[in-house]
Amino acid sequence: MIAGVAVIHLPMHRDVRGHLTELFSRDRPQPAGFVPAQWHVLASQAGTLRGMHAHALHDDLKITLAGEVVLGLKDLRRGSPSEGAGQLLGLSGAAYKGVLIPAGVAHGILAVTDSLVLVGVTLPYDGTDEFECAWNDPRLGIEWPTAPRLLSERDRQAGSLADLLAALEPHQPLWRGPGS
């Protein structure tokens, strides 16, 4: 597991009507002090890949509400115990899990089926904290289960992982763990 990435199991209280699941409560401690400043929903058709994206200033919390996705992660934080590690997580709307992604961890979401993903961020979107690299850069070390069918123009034109690392360099070290 990548240091600082937290997977939060969100129990579903099921009955014949469906389920009730508490996603967030100000009365419950949030992972790593996560305090959302904005929420948005990603609706994706099967075969869509969003990413790889990284942020230097804000953390993300992603919860798959419907469908199935694969979340790709790459730790770009200098000094992190998992610096350089890549990881894939399968997520499904059938069992809610929140995934906390700290600043400096690149991430991409591949929609295996049509999907809805709820995203909380610790800073409102303004475009200045958006960095990207090509989803298939071999230096990512991420073996996606399939190639995407749908990519945004931004993701199609994304540069290399080396370009992303250069863009993040002024913000390093991004690792905020114990002793940092």
Protein backbone atom coordinates (compact mmCIF):
# COMPACT_ATOMS: atom_id res chain seq x y z
CA MET A 1 0.00 0.00 0.00
CA ILE A 2 1.23 3.49 -0.80
CA ALA A 3 2.06 5.44 2.39
CA GLY A 4 -0.65 7.93 3.30
CA VAL A 5 -3.26 6.39 0.98
CA ALA A 6 -6.13 5.23 3.16
CA VAL A 7 -8.97 2.92 2.19
CA ILE A 8 -12.01 3.59 4.36
CA HIS A 9 -14.72 0.92 4.44
CA LEU A 10 -18.15 2.56 4.58
CA PRO A 11 -20.71 0.09 5.97
CA MET A 12 -23.95 -0.21 4.05
CA HIS A 13 -27.06 -0.69 6.17
CA ARG A 14 -29.11 -2.83 3.79
CA ASP A 15 -32.75 -3.85 3.78
CA VAL A 16 -35.30 -4.78 1.12
CA ARG A 17 -35.45 -1.16 -0.12
CA GLY A 18 -31.72 -0.82 -0.74
CA HIS A 19 -29.20 0.70 1.64
CA LEU A 20 -28.30 3.70 3.72
CA THR A 21 -24.59 4.51 3.87
CA GLU A 22 -23.08 7.39 5.81
CA LEU A 23 -20.34 8.81 3.60
CA PHE A 24 -19.27 11.73 5.71
CA SER A 25 -20.05 13.18 9.14
CA ARG A 26 -18.51 16.20 10.79
CA ASP A 27 -18.98 14.32 14.09
CA ARG A 28 -16.69 11.47 13.00
CA PRO A 29 -12.94 11.95 12.70
CA GLN A 30 -11.97 12.00 9.03
CA PRO A 31 -8.97 10.16 7.63
CA ALA A 32 -5.73 12.08 8.16
CA GLY A 33 -7.74 15.17 9.12
CA PHE A 34 -9.41 15.31 5.68
CA VAL A 35 -11.69 18.36 5.55
CA PRO A 36 -13.51 18.74 2.22
CA ALA A 37 -13.77 22.15 0.61
CA GLN A 38 -15.65 20.89 -2.45
CA TRP A 39 -17.46 17.76 -3.69
CA HIS A 40 -18.10 16.75 -7.30
CA VAL A 41 -19.28 13.66 -9.17
CA LEU A 42 -17.48 11.96 -12.07
CA ALA A 43 -19.92 10.14 -14.37
CA SER A 44 -17.98 7.95 -16.80
CA GLN A 45 -18.91 5.61 -19.60
CA ALA A 46 -17.34 2.16 -19.60
CA GLY A 47 -13.85 2.36 -21.08
CA THR A 48 -13.19 5.95 -19.95
CA LEU A 49 -9.85 6.72 -18.33
CA ARG A 50 -9.44 9.94 -16.35
CA GLY A 51 -5.78 10.59 -15.54
CA MET A 52 -3.01 10.30 -14.62
CA HIS A 53 -3.39 13.46 -12.57
CA ALA A 54 -1.54 14.78 -9.53
CA HIS A 55 -1.92 17.70 -7.14
CA ALA A 56 0.67 19.48 -5.04
CA LEU A 57 -1.68 21.38 -2.75
CA HIS A 58 -4.79 19.32 -2.14
CA ASP A 59 -5.88 15.82 -1.18
CA ASP A 60 -8.70 13.84 -2.82
CA LEU A 61 -11.23 11.42 -1.35
CA LYS A 62 -12.85 9.18 -3.98
CA ILE A 63 -15.90 6.97 -3.40
CA THR A 64 -17.31 4.80 -6.20
CA LEU A 65 -21.11 5.06 -5.93
CA ALA A 66 -22.13 2.98 -8.97
CA GLY A 67 -20.36 0.66 -11.35
CA GLU A 68 -16.83 -0.66 -11.23
CA VAL A 69 -13.58 1.24 -11.62
CA VAL A 70 -9.87 0.61 -11.32
CA LEU A 71 -7.92 3.32 -9.51
CA GLY A 72 -4.25 3.60 -10.50
CA LEU A 73 -1.86 5.26 -8.05
CA LYS A 74 1.80 6.34 -8.25
CA ASP A 75 3.65 7.86 -5.29
CA LEU A 76 5.63 10.91 -6.50
CA ARG A 77 6.43 12.35 -3.05
CA ARG A 78 10.13 12.67 -2.39
CA GLY A 79 10.99 11.08 0.95
CA SER A 80 7.84 8.98 1.22
CA PRO A 81 8.46 5.40 2.42
CA SER A 82 6.67 4.25 -0.74
CA GLU A 83 8.26 6.80 -3.10
CA GLY A 84 8.01 5.53 -6.69
CA ALA A 85 5.53 2.75 -5.87
CA GLY A 86 2.58 2.10 -8.17
CA GLN A 87 -0.65 0.36 -7.26
CA LEU A 88 -4.06 -0.60 -8.69
CA LEU A 89 -7.22 -0.74 -6.57
CA GLY A 90 -10.50 -2.22 -7.79
CA LEU A 91 -13.51 -0.29 -6.47
CA SER A 92 -17.21 -0.95 -6.83
CA GLY A 93 -20.52 0.70 -6.04
CA ALA A 94 -21.60 -2.65 -4.55
CA ALA A 95 -19.42 -2.01 -1.46
CA TYR A 96 -18.54 1.61 -0.78
CA LYS A 97 -14.95 2.41 0.10
CA GLY A 98 -13.45 5.84 0.36
CA VAL A 99 -9.89 6.19 -0.90
CA LEU A 100 -7.89 9.11 0.48
CA ILE A 101 -5.24 10.21 -2.03
CA PRO A 102 -2.69 12.64 -0.57
CA ALA A 103 -1.13 15.46 -2.55
CA GLY A 104 1.79 14.15 -4.58
CA VAL A 105 0.22 10.78 -5.37
CA ALA A 106 -0.70 10.64 -9.06
CA HIS A 107 -3.99 8.93 -9.79
CA GLY A 108 -6.16 7.80 -12.67
CA ILE A 109 -9.54 6.13 -12.84
CA LEU A 110 -10.47 3.57 -15.49
CA ALA A 111 -14.22 2.91 -15.70
CA VAL A 112 -14.65 -0.83 -16.16
CA THR A 113 -18.43 -0.30 -16.41
CA ASP A 114 -20.51 2.88 -16.55
CA SER A 115 -19.74 4.49 -13.19
CA LEU A 116 -20.33 7.33 -10.76
CA VAL A 117 -17.49 8.43 -8.47
CA LEU A 118 -17.96 11.01 -5.73
CA VAL A 119 -14.84 13.14 -5.19
CA GLY A 120 -14.11 15.37 -2.21
CA VAL A 121 -11.15 17.77 -2.36
CA THR A 122 -9.49 19.84 0.34
CA LEU A 123 -9.25 22.97 -1.86
CA PRO A 124 -11.83 24.29 -4.32
CA TYR A 125 -10.94 23.73 -7.97
CA ASP A 126 -9.20 26.65 -9.66
CA GLY A 127 -6.99 24.89 -12.21
CA THR A 128 -3.65 25.92 -10.69
CA ASP A 129 -3.12 22.64 -8.83
CA GLU A 130 -3.59 20.31 -11.80
CA PHE A 131 -0.69 18.30 -13.19
CA GLU A 132 -0.78 15.28 -15.49
CA CYS A 133 1.18 12.67 -17.38
CA ALA A 134 0.34 10.05 -19.96
CA TRP A 135 -1.66 7.18 -18.46
CA ASN A 136 0.52 4.64 -20.30
CA ASP A 137 3.98 6.05 -19.55
CA PRO A 138 6.03 2.89 -18.87
CA ARG A 139 7.81 4.60 -15.94
CA LEU A 140 4.50 4.66 -14.05
CA GLY A 141 4.74 0.88 -13.63
CA ILE A 142 0.95 0.57 -13.78
CA GLU A 143 -0.47 -2.40 -15.65
CA TRP A 144 -4.00 -1.27 -16.52
CA PRO A 145 -6.34 -4.23 -17.14
CA THR A 146 -7.31 -2.81 -20.55
CA ALA A 147 -6.55 0.17 -22.75
CA PRO A 148 -9.09 3.00 -22.50
CA ARG A 149 -11.66 3.67 -25.23
CA LEU A 150 -12.34 7.25 -24.15
CA LEU A 151 -9.83 9.92 -23.10
CA SER A 152 -10.18 13.67 -22.74
CA GLU A 153 -8.07 15.87 -24.99
CA ARG A 154 -6.08 16.88 -21.90
CA ASP A 155 -5.27 13.24 -21.11
CA ARG A 156 -4.52 12.45 -24.77
CA GLN A 157 -2.00 15.31 -24.89
CA ALA A 158 -0.44 14.68 -21.45
CA GLY A 159 3.34 14.60 -21.33
CA SER A 160 5.69 12.09 -19.77
CA LEU A 161 6.09 11.13 -16.14
CA ALA A 162 9.41 13.04 -16.27
CA ASP A 163 7.45 16.18 -17.27
CA LEU A 164 5.05 15.65 -14.35
CA LEU A 165 7.93 15.19 -11.90
CA ALA A 166 9.53 18.41 -13.18
CA ALA A 167 6.23 20.29 -12.68
CA LEU A 168 5.95 19.01 -9.10
CA GLU A 169 9.60 19.73 -8.24
CA PRO A 170 9.01 23.27 -6.89
CA HIS A 171 6.54 21.76 -4.37
CA GLN A 172 8.80 18.94 -3.14
CA PRO A 173 9.10 17.40 -0.68
CA LEU A 174 5.37 16.57 -0.73
CA TRP A 175 5.63 13.79 1.86
CA ARG A 176 3.82 14.91 5.03
CA GLY A 177 4.37 11.82 7.15
CA PRO A 178 5.82 11.47 10.63
CA GLY A 179 9.03 13.40 11.03
CA SER A 180 8.55 15.48 7.86
